[in-house]
Amino acid sequence: PTEDGKGSIQSGFLEMSNVDLSEEFTELIVAQRGFQANARTITTS
């Protein structure tokens, strides 16, 4: 560690996930609306 940009080790800590729930739920709405829009295109066709 600490060589060539590998980083350093912190004892007594754990790294959490980098998932941002607010961002994921926003993307979830976008994906849902995209799915609905494509389904509506099939219905119109």
PDB file of all heavy atoms in Angstrom:
ATOM      1  N   PRO A   1       0.823  -1.215   0.000  1.00  0.00           N
ATOM      2  CA  PRO A   1       0.000   0.000   0.000  1.00  0.00           C
ATOM      3  C   PRO A   1       0.853   1.259   0.000  1.00  0.00           C
ATOM      4  O   PRO A   1       2.041   1.239   0.329  1.00  0.00           O
ATOM      5  CB  PRO A   1      -0.796  -0.130   1.305  1.00  0.00           C
ATOM      6  CG  PRO A   1      -0.794  -1.594   1.619  1.00  0.00           C
ATOM      7  CD  PRO A   1       0.519  -2.116   1.118  1.00  0.00           C
ATOM      8  N   THR A   2       0.244   2.352  -0.389  1.00  0.00           N
ATOM      9  CA  THR A   2       0.832   3.698  -0.467  1.00  0.00           C
ATOM     10  C   THR A   2       1.860   3.808  -1.574  1.00  0.00           C
ATOM     11  O   THR A   2       2.509   4.842  -1.696  1.00  0.00           O
ATOM     12  CB  THR A   2       1.466   4.138   0.878  1.00  0.00           C
ATOM     13  OG1 THR A   2       2.649   3.364   1.128  1.00  0.00           O
ATOM     14  CG2 THR A   2       0.489   3.972   2.034  1.00  0.00           C
ATOM     15  N   GLU A   3       2.033   2.758  -2.395  1.00  0.00           N
ATOM     16  CA  GLU A   3       2.982   2.808  -3.506  1.00  0.00           C
ATOM     17  C   GLU A   3       2.237   2.846  -4.836  1.00  0.00           C
ATOM     18  O   GLU A   3       1.266   2.111  -5.026  1.00  0.00           O
ATOM     19  CB  GLU A   3       3.920   1.591  -3.485  1.00  0.00           C
ATOM     20  CG  GLU A   3       4.842   1.528  -2.271  1.00  0.00           C
ATOM     21  CD  GLU A   3       5.740   0.288  -2.302  1.00  0.00           C
ATOM     22  OE1 GLU A   3       5.577  -0.520  -3.242  1.00  0.00           O
ATOM     23  OE2 GLU A   3       6.578   0.138  -1.406  1.00  0.00           O
ATOM     24  N   ASP A   4       2.679   3.696  -5.750  1.00  0.00           N
ATOM     25  CA  ASP A   4       2.152   3.755  -7.117  1.00  0.00           C
ATOM     26  C   ASP A   4       0.647   3.973  -7.161  1.00  0.00           C
ATOM     27  O   ASP A   4      -0.051   3.410  -8.013  1.00  0.00           O
ATOM     28  CB  ASP A   4       2.512   2.472  -7.877  1.00  0.00           C
ATOM     29  CG  ASP A   4       4.013   2.223  -7.924  1.00  0.00           C
ATOM     30  OD1 ASP A   4       4.757   3.209  -8.053  1.00  0.00           O
ATOM     31  OD2 ASP A   4       4.433   1.054  -7.817  1.00  0.00           O
ATOM     32  N   GLY A   5       0.130   4.760  -6.233  1.00  0.00           N
ATOM     33  CA  GLY A   5      -1.287   5.113  -6.268  1.00  0.00           C
ATOM     34  C   GLY A   5      -2.240   4.014  -5.887  1.00  0.00           C
ATOM     35  O   GLY A   5      -3.436   4.082  -6.238  1.00  0.00           O
ATOM     36  N   LYS A   6      -1.762   2.991  -5.181  1.00  0.00           N
ATOM     37  CA  LYS A   6      -2.660   1.891  -4.789  1.00  0.00           C
ATOM     38  C   LYS A   6      -3.587   2.272  -3.651  1.00  0.00           C
ATOM     39  O   LYS A   6      -4.592   1.622  -3.417  1.00  0.00           O
ATOM     40  CB  LYS A   6      -1.838   0.657  -4.398  1.00  0.00           C
ATOM     41  CG  LYS A   6      -1.021   0.054  -5.529  1.00  0.00           C
ATOM     42  CD  LYS A   6      -0.281  -1.178  -5.055  1.00  0.00           C
ATOM     43  CE  LYS A   6       0.550  -1.800  -6.181  1.00  0.00           C
ATOM     44  NZ  LYS A   6       1.660  -0.911  -6.585  1.00  0.00           N
ATOM     45  N   GLY A   7      -3.245   3.308  -2.910  1.00  0.00           N
ATOM     46  CA  GLY A   7      -4.070   3.724  -1.794  1.00  0.00           C
ATOM     47  C   GLY A   7      -3.506   3.248  -0.473  1.00  0.00           C
ATOM     48  O   GLY A   7      -2.512   2.526  -0.410  1.00  0.00           O
ATOM     49  N   SER A   8      -4.153   3.647   0.604  1.00  0.00           N
ATOM     50  CA  SER A   8      -3.747   3.257   1.950  1.00  0.00           C
ATOM     51  C   SER A   8      -4.859   2.477   2.618  1.00  0.00           C
ATOM     52  O   SER A   8      -6.017   2.522   2.193  1.00  0.00           O
ATOM     53  CB  SER A   8      -3.391   4.495   2.787  1.00  0.00           C
ATOM     54  OG  SER A   8      -4.518   5.354   2.888  1.00  0.00           O
ATOM     55  N   ILE A   9      -4.506   1.753   3.666  1.00  0.00           N
ATOM     56  CA  ILE A   9      -5.460   0.904   4.378  1.00  0.00           C
ATOM     57  C   ILE A   9      -5.889   1.593   5.666  1.00  0.00           C
ATOM     58  O   ILE A   9      -5.063   2.113   6.414  1.00  0.00           O
ATOM     59  CB  ILE A   9      -4.829  -0.473   4.681  1.00  0.00           C
ATOM     60  CG1 ILE A   9      -4.593  -1.229   3.371  1.00  0.00           C
ATOM     61  CG2 ILE A   9      -5.713  -1.283   5.626  1.00  0.00           C
ATOM     62  CD1 ILE A   9      -3.920  -2.571   3.551  1.00  0.00           C
ATOM     63  N   GLN A  10      -7.193   1.600   5.905  1.00  0.00           N
ATOM     64  CA  GLN A  10      -7.754   2.181   7.122  1.00  0.00           C
ATOM     65  C   GLN A  10      -8.317   1.050   7.975  1.00  0.00           C
ATOM     66  O   GLN A  10      -9.308   0.415   7.610  1.00  0.00           O
ATOM     67  CB  GLN A  10      -8.862   3.181   6.779  1.00  0.00           C
ATOM     68  CG  GLN A  10      -8.452   4.278   5.809  1.00  0.00           C
ATOM     69  CD  GLN A  10      -7.379   5.185   6.370  1.00  0.00           C
ATOM     70  OE1 GLN A  10      -7.333   5.446   7.567  1.00  0.00           O
ATOM     71  NE2 GLN A  10      -6.492   5.663   5.496  1.00  0.00           N
ATOM     72  N   SER A  11      -7.669   0.784   9.096  1.00  0.00           N
ATOM     73  CA  SER A  11      -8.135  -0.264  10.002  1.00  0.00           C
ATOM     74  C   SER A  11      -9.264   0.264  10.881  1.00  0.00           C
ATOM     75  O   SER A  11      -9.240   1.414  11.323  1.00  0.00           O
ATOM     76  CB  SER A  11      -6.981  -0.757  10.868  1.00  0.00           C
ATOM     77  OG  SER A  11      -7.425  -1.728  11.799  1.00  0.00           O
ATOM     78  N   GLY A  12     -10.257  -0.590  11.125  1.00  0.00           N
ATOM     79  CA  GLY A  12     -11.408  -0.180  11.927  1.00  0.00           C
ATOM     80  C   GLY A  12     -12.514   0.450  11.130  1.00  0.00           C
ATOM     81  O   GLY A  12     -13.438   1.034  11.703  1.00  0.00           O
ATOM     82  N   PHE A  13     -12.445   0.326   9.796  1.00  0.00           N
ATOM     83  CA  PHE A  13     -13.475   0.884   8.911  1.00  0.00           C
ATOM     84  C   PHE A  13     -13.853  -0.148   7.858  1.00  0.00           C
ATOM     85  O   PHE A  13     -13.052  -1.019   7.497  1.00  0.00           O
ATOM     86  CB  PHE A  13     -12.976   2.150   8.207  1.00  0.00           C
ATOM     87  CG  PHE A  13     -12.734   3.312   9.123  1.00  0.00           C
ATOM     88  CD1 PHE A  13     -11.509   3.469   9.757  1.00  0.00           C
ATOM     89  CD2 PHE A  13     -13.729   4.250   9.342  1.00  0.00           C
ATOM     90  CE1 PHE A  13     -11.280   4.533  10.599  1.00  0.00           C
ATOM     91  CE2 PHE A  13     -13.504   5.328  10.186  1.00  0.00           C
ATOM     92  CZ  PHE A  13     -12.277   5.470  10.819  1.00  0.00           C
ATOM     93  N   LEU A  14     -15.065  -0.042   7.347  1.00  0.00           N
ATOM     94  CA  LEU A  14     -15.518  -0.824   6.208  1.00  0.00           C
ATOM     95  C   LEU A  14     -16.066   0.127   5.148  1.00  0.00           C
ATOM     96  O   LEU A  14     -16.719   1.130   5.476  1.00  0.00           O
ATOM     97  CB  LEU A  14     -16.608  -1.819   6.609  1.00  0.00           C
ATOM     98  CG  LEU A  14     -16.165  -3.090   7.337  1.00  0.00           C
ATOM     99  CD1 LEU A  14     -17.378  -3.910   7.757  1.00  0.00           C
ATOM    100  CD2 LEU A  14     -15.231  -3.932   6.474  1.00  0.00           C
ATOM    101  N   GLU A  15     -15.773  -0.186   3.886  1.00  0.00           N
ATOM    102  CA  GLU A  15     -16.289   0.633   2.789  1.00  0.00           C
ATOM    103  C   GLU A  15     -17.706   0.191   2.450  1.00  0.00           C
ATOM    104  O   GLU A  15     -17.954  -0.980   2.178  1.00  0.00           O
ATOM    105  CB  GLU A  15     -15.393   0.500   1.557  1.00  0.00           C
ATOM    106  CG  GLU A  15     -15.865   1.356   0.396  1.00  0.00           C
ATOM    107  CD  GLU A  15     -15.027   1.165  -0.864  1.00  0.00           C
ATOM    108  OE1 GLU A  15     -14.191   0.245  -0.868  1.00  0.00           O
ATOM    109  OE2 GLU A  15     -15.225   1.922  -1.829  1.00  0.00           O
ATOM    110  N   MET A  16     -18.633   1.124   2.471  1.00  0.00           N
ATOM    111  CA  MET A  16     -20.010   0.831   2.085  1.00  0.00           C
ATOM    112  C   MET A  16     -20.126   0.825   0.563  1.00  0.00           C
ATOM    113  O   MET A  16     -19.186   1.204  -0.149  1.00  0.00           O
ATOM    114  CB  MET A  16     -20.956   1.871   2.687  1.00  0.00           C
ATOM    115  CG  MET A  16     -20.906   1.944   4.208  1.00  0.00           C
ATOM    116  SD  MET A  16     -21.416   0.394   4.986  1.00  0.00           S
ATOM    117  CE  MET A  16     -23.152   0.373   4.569  1.00  0.00           C
ATOM    118  N   SER A  17     -21.263   0.390   0.051  1.00  0.00           N
ATOM    119  CA  SER A  17     -21.490   0.413  -1.391  1.00  0.00           C
ATOM    120  C   SER A  17     -21.583   1.862  -1.864  1.00  0.00           C
ATOM    121  O   SER A  17     -21.869   2.781  -1.081  1.00  0.00           O
ATOM    122  CB  SER A  17     -22.774  -0.338  -1.745  1.00  0.00           C
ATOM    123  OG  SER A  17     -23.909   0.431  -1.400  1.00  0.00           O
ATOM    124  N   ASN A  18     -21.348   2.062  -3.151  1.00  0.00           N
ATOM    125  CA  ASN A  18     -21.455   3.417  -3.707  1.00  0.00           C
ATOM    126  C   ASN A  18     -22.810   3.651  -4.375  1.00  0.00           C
ATOM    127  O   ASN A  18     -22.953   4.527  -5.222  1.00  0.00           O
ATOM    128  CB  ASN A  18     -20.314   3.683  -4.698  1.00  0.00           C
ATOM    129  CG  ASN A  18     -20.369   2.765  -5.912  1.00  0.00           C
ATOM    130  OD1 ASN A  18     -21.143   1.812  -5.969  1.00  0.00           O
ATOM    131  ND2 ASN A  18     -19.527   3.047  -6.894  1.00  0.00           N
ATOM    132  N   VAL A  19     -23.807   2.866  -3.983  1.00  0.00           N
ATOM    133  CA  VAL A  19     -25.159   3.005  -4.530  1.00  0.00           C
ATOM    134  C   VAL A  19     -25.846   4.195  -3.875  1.00  0.00           C
ATOM    135  O   VAL A  19     -25.925   4.283  -2.644  1.00  0.00           O
ATOM    136  CB  VAL A  19     -25.979   1.723  -4.302  1.00  0.00           C
ATOM    137  CG1 VAL A  19     -27.428   1.921  -4.776  1.00  0.00           C
ATOM    138  CG2 VAL A  19     -25.345   0.545  -5.026  1.00  0.00           C
ATOM    139  N   ASP A  20     -26.348   5.122  -4.692  1.00  0.00           N
ATOM    140  CA  ASP A  20     -27.112   6.278  -4.224  1.00  0.00           C
ATOM    141  C   ASP A  20     -28.588   5.978  -4.489  1.00  0.00           C
ATOM    142  O   ASP A  20     -29.032   5.945  -5.637  1.00  0.00           O
ATOM    143  CB  ASP A  20     -26.670   7.528  -4.975  1.00  0.00           C
ATOM    144  CG  ASP A  20     -27.352   8.794  -4.479  1.00  0.00           C
ATOM    145  OD1 ASP A  20     -28.404   8.684  -3.820  1.00  0.00           O
ATOM    146  OD2 ASP A  20     -26.843   9.891  -4.757  1.00  0.00           O
ATOM    147  N   LEU A  21     -29.363   5.761  -3.417  1.00  0.00           N
ATOM    148  CA  LEU A  21     -30.755   5.354  -3.587  1.00  0.00           C
ATOM    149  C   LEU A  21     -31.581   6.405  -4.323  1.00  0.00           C
ATOM    150  O   LEU A  21     -32.458   6.057  -5.131  1.00  0.00           O
ATOM    151  CB  LEU A  21     -31.382   5.055  -2.228  1.00  0.00           C
ATOM    152  CG  LEU A  21     -31.041   3.690  -1.613  1.00  0.00           C
ATOM    153  CD1 LEU A  21     -31.726   3.536  -0.263  1.00  0.00           C
ATOM    154  CD2 LEU A  21     -31.444   2.559  -2.546  1.00  0.00           C
ATOM    155  N   SER A  22     -31.330   7.681  -4.066  1.00  0.00           N
ATOM    156  CA  SER A  22     -32.094   8.724  -4.758  1.00  0.00           C
ATOM    157  C   SER A  22     -31.853   8.662  -6.262  1.00  0.00           C
ATOM    158  O   SER A  22     -32.793   8.800  -7.060  1.00  0.00           O
ATOM    159  CB  SER A  22     -31.730  10.102  -4.205  1.00  0.00           C
ATOM    160  OG  SER A  22     -30.341  10.375  -4.391  1.00  0.00           O
ATOM    161  N   GLU A  23     -30.605   8.425  -6.648  1.00  0.00           N
ATOM    162  CA  GLU A  23     -30.288   8.311  -8.073  1.00  0.00           C
ATOM    163  C   GLU A  23     -30.907   7.053  -8.676  1.00  0.00           C
ATOM    164  O   GLU A  23     -31.446   7.076  -9.791  1.00  0.00           O
ATOM    165  CB  GLU A  23     -28.771   8.290  -8.252  1.00  0.00           C
ATOM    166  CG  GLU A  23     -28.324   8.127  -9.692  1.00  0.00           C
ATOM    167  CD  GLU A  23     -26.815   8.015  -9.830  1.00  0.00           C
ATOM    168  OE1 GLU A  23     -26.114   8.250  -8.831  1.00  0.00           O
ATOM    169  OE2 GLU A  23     -26.350   7.690 -10.942  1.00  0.00           O
ATOM    170  N   GLU A  24     -30.850   5.945  -7.925  1.00  0.00           N
ATOM    171  CA  GLU A  24     -31.377   4.676  -8.449  1.00  0.00           C
ATOM    172  C   GLU A  24     -32.885   4.742  -8.633  1.00  0.00           C
ATOM    173  O   GLU A  24     -33.417   4.255  -9.639  1.00  0.00           O
ATOM    174  CB  GLU A  24     -31.016   3.530  -7.506  1.00  0.00           C
ATOM    175  CG  GLU A  24     -29.525   3.252  -7.404  1.00  0.00           C
ATOM    176  CD  GLU A  24     -28.868   2.943  -8.729  1.00  0.00           C
ATOM    177  OE1 GLU A  24     -29.487   2.248  -9.562  1.00  0.00           O
ATOM    178  OE2 GLU A  24     -27.742   3.421  -8.952  1.00  0.00           O
ATOM    179  N   PHE A  25     -33.601   5.357  -7.683  1.00  0.00           N
ATOM    180  CA  PHE A  25     -35.052   5.440  -7.825  1.00  0.00           C
ATOM    181  C   PHE A  25     -35.452   6.390  -8.947  1.00  0.00           C
ATOM    182  O   PHE A  25     -36.469   6.183  -9.610  1.00  0.00           O
ATOM    183  CB  PHE A  25     -35.693   5.864  -6.501  1.00  0.00           C
ATOM    184  CG  PHE A  25     -35.826   4.734  -5.514  1.00  0.00           C
ATOM    185  CD1 PHE A  25     -35.173   4.775  -4.295  1.00  0.00           C
ATOM    186  CD2 PHE A  25     -36.590   3.616  -5.821  1.00  0.00           C
ATOM    187  CE1 PHE A  25     -35.281   3.725  -3.397  1.00  0.00           C
ATOM    188  CE2 PHE A  25     -36.712   2.561  -4.922  1.00  0.00           C
ATOM    189  CZ  PHE A  25     -36.055   2.616  -3.708  1.00  0.00           C
ATOM    190  N   THR A  26     -34.648   7.429  -9.179  1.00  0.00           N
ATOM    191  CA  THR A  26     -34.907   8.301 -10.313  1.00  0.00           C
ATOM    192  C   THR A  26     -34.727   7.542 -11.628  1.00  0.00           C
ATOM    193  O   THR A  26     -35.569   7.637 -12.538  1.00  0.00           O
ATOM    194  CB  THR A  26     -33.959   9.516 -10.282  1.00  0.00           C
ATOM    195  OG1 THR A  26     -34.149  10.240  -9.070  1.00  0.00           O
ATOM    196  CG2 THR A  26     -34.220  10.432 -11.463  1.00  0.00           C
ATOM    197  N   GLU A  27     -33.634   6.775 -11.710  1.00  0.00           N
ATOM    198  CA  GLU A  27     -33.412   5.954 -12.905  1.00  0.00           C
ATOM    199  C   GLU A  27     -34.487   4.885 -13.051  1.00  0.00           C
ATOM    200  O   GLU A  27     -34.848   4.495 -14.168  1.00  0.00           O
ATOM    201  CB  GLU A  27     -32.029   5.306 -12.837  1.00  0.00           C
ATOM    202  CG  GLU A  27     -30.870   6.269 -13.018  1.00  0.00           C
ATOM    203  CD  GLU A  27     -30.868   6.902 -14.400  1.00  0.00           C
ATOM    204  OE1 GLU A  27     -31.126   6.199 -15.395  1.00  0.00           O
ATOM    205  OE2 GLU A  27     -30.625   8.124 -14.485  1.00  0.00           O
ATOM    206  N   LEU A  28     -35.002   4.399 -11.924  1.00  0.00           N
ATOM    207  CA  LEU A  28     -36.079   3.408 -11.955  1.00  0.00           C
ATOM    208  C   LEU A  28     -37.326   3.993 -12.603  1.00  0.00           C
ATOM    209  O   LEU A  28     -37.993   3.336 -13.418  1.00  0.00           O
ATOM    210  CB  LEU A  28     -36.375   2.942 -10.528  1.00  0.00           C
ATOM    211  CG  LEU A  28     -37.299   1.729 -10.372  1.00  0.00           C
ATOM    212  CD1 LEU A  28     -36.650   0.479 -10.933  1.00  0.00           C
ATOM    213  CD2 LEU A  28     -37.642   1.518  -8.897  1.00  0.00           C
ATOM    214  N   ILE A  29     -37.644   5.247 -12.254  1.00  0.00           N
ATOM    215  CA  ILE A  29     -38.806   5.903 -12.860  1.00  0.00           C
ATOM    216  C   ILE A  29     -38.583   6.108 -14.355  1.00  0.00           C
ATOM    217  O   ILE A  29     -39.489   5.882 -15.177  1.00  0.00           O
ATOM    218  CB  ILE A  29     -39.053   7.258 -12.163  1.00  0.00           C
ATOM    219  CG1 ILE A  29     -39.477   7.025 -10.707  1.00  0.00           C
ATOM    220  CG2 ILE A  29     -40.116   8.065 -12.907  1.00  0.00           C
ATOM    221  CD1 ILE A  29     -39.559   8.294  -9.886  1.00  0.00           C
ATOM    222  N   VAL A  30     -37.361   6.539 -14.728  1.00  0.00           N
ATOM    223  CA  VAL A  30     -37.051   6.745 -16.146  1.00  0.00           C
ATOM    224  C   VAL A  30     -37.203   5.445 -16.928  1.00  0.00           C
ATOM    225  O   VAL A  30     -37.787   5.415 -18.024  1.00  0.00           O
ATOM    226  CB  VAL A  30     -35.617   7.306 -16.298  1.00  0.00           C
ATOM    227  CG1 VAL A  30     -35.203   7.335 -17.768  1.00  0.00           C
ATOM    228  CG2 VAL A  30     -35.522   8.702 -15.701  1.00  0.00           C
ATOM    229  N   ALA A  31     -36.677   4.338 -16.375  1.00  0.00           N
ATOM    230  CA  ALA A  31     -36.775   3.042 -17.057  1.00  0.00           C
ATOM    231  C   ALA A  31     -38.227   2.592 -17.162  1.00  0.00           C
ATOM    232  O   ALA A  31     -38.651   2.043 -18.196  1.00  0.00           O
ATOM    233  CB  ALA A  31     -35.944   2.003 -16.312  1.00  0.00           C
ATOM    234  N   GLN A  32     -38.990   2.818 -16.098  1.00  0.00           N
ATOM    235  CA  GLN A  32     -40.397   2.422 -16.115  1.00  0.00           C
ATOM    236  C   GLN A  32     -41.170   3.196 -17.177  1.00  0.00           C
ATOM    237  O   GLN A  32     -41.952   2.611 -17.946  1.00  0.00           O
ATOM    238  CB  GLN A  32     -41.024   2.656 -14.740  1.00  0.00           C
ATOM    239  CG  GLN A  32     -42.498   2.282 -14.671  1.00  0.00           C
ATOM    240  CD  GLN A  32     -43.118   2.624 -13.325  1.00  0.00           C
ATOM    241  OE1 GLN A  32     -42.509   3.336 -12.524  1.00  0.00           O
ATOM    242  NE2 GLN A  32     -44.308   2.129 -13.072  1.00  0.00           N
ATOM    243  N   ARG A  33     -40.949   4.504 -17.245  1.00  0.00           N
ATOM    244  CA  ARG A  33     -41.647   5.309 -18.253  1.00  0.00           C
ATOM    245  C   ARG A  33     -41.177   4.961 -19.658  1.00  0.00           C
ATOM    246  O   ARG A  33     -41.971   4.973 -20.610  1.00  0.00           O
ATOM    247  CB  ARG A  33     -41.425   6.802 -17.975  1.00  0.00           C
ATOM    248  CG  ARG A  33     -42.019   7.284 -16.666  1.00  0.00           C
ATOM    249  CD  ARG A  33     -43.469   6.901 -16.532  1.00  0.00           C
ATOM    250  NE  ARG A  33     -44.046   7.380 -15.284  1.00  0.00           N
ATOM    251  CZ  ARG A  33     -45.201   6.974 -14.793  1.00  0.00           C
ATOM    252  NH1 ARG A  33     -45.906   6.053 -15.446  1.00  0.00           N
ATOM    253  NH2 ARG A  33     -45.659   7.455 -13.651  1.00  0.00           N
ATOM    254  N   GLY A  34     -39.894   4.655 -19.802  1.00  0.00           N
ATOM    255  CA  GLY A  34     -39.410   4.223 -21.114  1.00  0.00           C
ATOM    256  C   GLY A  34     -40.072   2.924 -21.551  1.00  0.00           C
ATOM    257  O   GLY A  34     -40.439   2.760 -22.724  1.00  0.00           O
ATOM    258  N   PHE A  35     -40.230   1.999 -20.604  1.00  0.00           N
ATOM    259  CA  PHE A  35     -40.906   0.732 -20.912  1.00  0.00           C
ATOM    260  C   PHE A  35     -42.357   0.994 -21.312  1.00  0.00           C
ATOM    261  O   PHE A  35     -42.863   0.424 -22.293  1.00  0.00           O
ATOM    262  CB  PHE A  35     -40.842  -0.173 -19.687  1.00  0.00           C
ATOM    263  CG  PHE A  35     -41.268  -1.590 -19.942  1.00  0.00           C
ATOM    264  CD1 PHE A  35     -40.332  -2.561 -20.250  1.00  0.00           C
ATOM    265  CD2 PHE A  35     -42.601  -1.950 -19.872  1.00  0.00           C
ATOM    266  CE1 PHE A  35     -40.713  -3.865 -20.498  1.00  0.00           C
ATOM    267  CE2 PHE A  35     -43.006  -3.257 -20.122  1.00  0.00           C
ATOM    268  CZ  PHE A  35     -42.054  -4.217 -20.428  1.00  0.00           C
ATOM    269  N   GLN A  36     -43.047   1.864 -20.559  1.00  0.00           N
ATOM    270  CA  GLN A  36     -44.441   2.168 -20.863  1.00  0.00           C
ATOM    271  C   GLN A  36     -44.576   2.843 -22.225  1.00  0.00           C
ATOM    272  O   GLN A  36     -45.514   2.553 -22.984  1.00  0.00           O
ATOM    273  CB  GLN A  36     -45.025   3.066 -19.768  1.00  0.00           C
ATOM    274  CG  GLN A  36     -45.224   2.368 -18.433  1.00  0.00           C
ATOM    275  CD  GLN A  36     -45.727   3.308 -17.363  1.00  0.00           C
ATOM    276  OE1 GLN A  36     -45.492   4.522 -17.422  1.00  0.00           O
ATOM    277  NE2 GLN A  36     -46.401   2.764 -16.365  1.00  0.00           N
ATOM    278  N   ALA A  37     -43.645   3.756 -22.536  1.00  0.00           N
ATOM    279  CA  ALA A  37     -43.718   4.465 -23.809  1.00  0.00           C
ATOM    280  C   ALA A  37     -43.545   3.498 -24.983  1.00  0.00           C
ATOM    281  O   ALA A  37     -44.249   3.607 -25.999  1.00  0.00           O
ATOM    282  CB  ALA A  37     -42.651   5.556 -23.858  1.00  0.00           C
ATOM    283  N   ASN A  38     -42.616   2.553 -24.845  1.00  0.00           N
ATOM    284  CA  ASN A  38     -42.429   1.576 -25.922  1.00  0.00           C
ATOM    285  C   ASN A  38     -43.621   0.640 -26.033  1.00  0.00           C
ATOM    286  O   ASN A  38     -43.993   0.232 -27.138  1.00  0.00           O
ATOM    287  CB  ASN A  38     -41.147   0.786 -25.663  1.00  0.00           C
ATOM    288  CG  ASN A  38     -39.895   1.539 -26.057  1.00  0.00           C
ATOM    289  OD1 ASN A  38     -39.525   1.603 -27.225  1.00  0.00           O
ATOM    290  ND2 ASN A  38     -39.237   2.128 -25.068  1.00  0.00           N
ATOM    291  N   ALA A  39     -44.223   0.292 -24.895  1.00  0.00           N
ATOM    292  CA  ALA A  39     -45.429  -0.538 -24.929  1.00  0.00           C
ATOM    293  C   ALA A  39     -46.568   0.211 -25.617  1.00  0.00           C
ATOM    294  O   ALA A  39     -47.346  -0.379 -26.382  1.00  0.00           O
ATOM    295  CB  ALA A  39     -45.827  -0.943 -23.513  1.00  0.00           C
ATOM    296  N   ARG A  40     -46.656   1.522 -25.372  1.00  0.00           N
ATOM    297  CA  ARG A  40     -47.697   2.321 -26.037  1.00  0.00           C
ATOM    298  C   ARG A  40     -47.442   2.397 -27.541  1.00  0.00           C
ATOM    299  O   ARG A  40     -48.396   2.423 -28.338  1.00  0.00           O
ATOM    300  CB  ARG A  40     -47.736   3.723 -25.414  1.00  0.00           C
ATOM    301  CG  ARG A  40     -48.824   4.638 -25.987  1.00  0.00           C
ATOM    302  CD  ARG A  40     -50.217   4.026 -25.819  1.00  0.00           C
ATOM    303  NE  ARG A  40     -50.504   3.762 -24.430  1.00  0.00           N
ATOM    304  CZ  ARG A  40     -51.040   4.654 -23.595  1.00  0.00           C
ATOM    305  NH1 ARG A  40     -51.316   5.867 -24.032  1.00  0.00           N
ATOM    306  NH2 ARG A  40     -51.309   4.328 -22.351  1.00  0.00           N
ATOM    307  N   THR A  41     -46.177   2.449 -27.946  1.00  0.00           N
ATOM    308  CA  THR A  41     -45.865   2.451 -29.380  1.00  0.00           C
ATOM    309  C   THR A  41     -46.357   1.169 -30.036  1.00  0.00           C
ATOM    310  O   THR A  41     -46.902   1.196 -31.154  1.00  0.00           O
ATOM    311  CB  THR A  41     -44.348   2.600 -29.591  1.00  0.00           C
ATOM    312  OG1 THR A  41     -43.903   3.821 -29.014  1.00  0.00           O
ATOM    313  CG2 THR A  41     -43.994   2.584 -31.067  1.00  0.00           C
ATOM    314  N   ILE A  42     -46.169   0.033 -29.350  1.00  0.00           N
ATOM    315  CA  ILE A  42     -46.663  -1.246 -29.888  1.00  0.00           C
ATOM    316  C   ILE A  42     -48.175  -1.232 -29.987  1.00  0.00           C
ATOM    317  O   ILE A  42     -48.766  -1.682 -30.984  1.00  0.00           O
ATOM    318  CB  ILE A  42     -46.172  -2.405 -28.995  1.00  0.00           C
ATOM    319  CG1 ILE A  42     -44.659  -2.543 -29.099  1.00  0.00           C
ATOM    320  CG2 ILE A  42     -46.848  -3.715 -29.393  1.00  0.00           C
ATOM    321  CD1 ILE A  42     -44.079  -3.605 -28.194  1.00  0.00           C
ATOM    322  N   THR A  43     -48.857  -0.681 -28.961  1.00  0.00           N
ATOM    323  CA  THR A  43     -50.317  -0.605 -28.985  1.00  0.00           C
ATOM    324  C   THR A  43     -50.810   0.260 -30.139  1.00  0.00           C
ATOM    325  O   THR A  43     -51.758  -0.099 -30.855  1.00  0.00           O
ATOM    326  CB  THR A  43     -50.829  -0.029 -27.654  1.00  0.00           C
ATOM    327  OG1 THR A  43     -50.384  -0.845 -26.572  1.00  0.00           O
ATOM    328  CG2 THR A  43     -52.345   0.029 -27.628  1.00  0.00           C
ATOM    329  N   THR A  44     -50.162   1.405 -30.344  1.00  0.00           N
ATOM    330  CA  THR A  44     -50.554   2.303 -31.437  1.00  0.00           C
ATOM    331  C   THR A  44     -50.312   1.643 -32.793  1.00  0.00           C
ATOM    332  O   THR A  44     -51.149   1.744 -33.707  1.00  0.00           O
ATOM    333  CB  THR A  44     -49.765   3.623 -31.347  1.00  0.00           C
ATOM    334  OG1 THR A  44     -49.989   4.219 -30.066  1.00  0.00           O
ATOM    335  CG2 THR A  44     -50.187   4.578 -32.447  1.00  0.00           C
ATOM    336  N   SER A  45     -49.170   0.962 -32.935  1.00  0.00           N
ATOM    337  CA  SER A  45     -48.888   0.256 -34.188  1.00  0.00           C
ATOM    338  C   SER A  45     -49.926  -0.826 -34.443  1.00  0.00           C
ATOM    339  O   SER A  45     -50.357  -1.043 -35.591  1.00  0.00           O
ATOM    340  CB  SER A  45     -47.490  -0.360 -34.130  1.00  0.00           C
ATOM    341  OG  SER A  45     -46.498   0.631 -33.972  1.00  0.00           O
TER     342      SER A  45
END
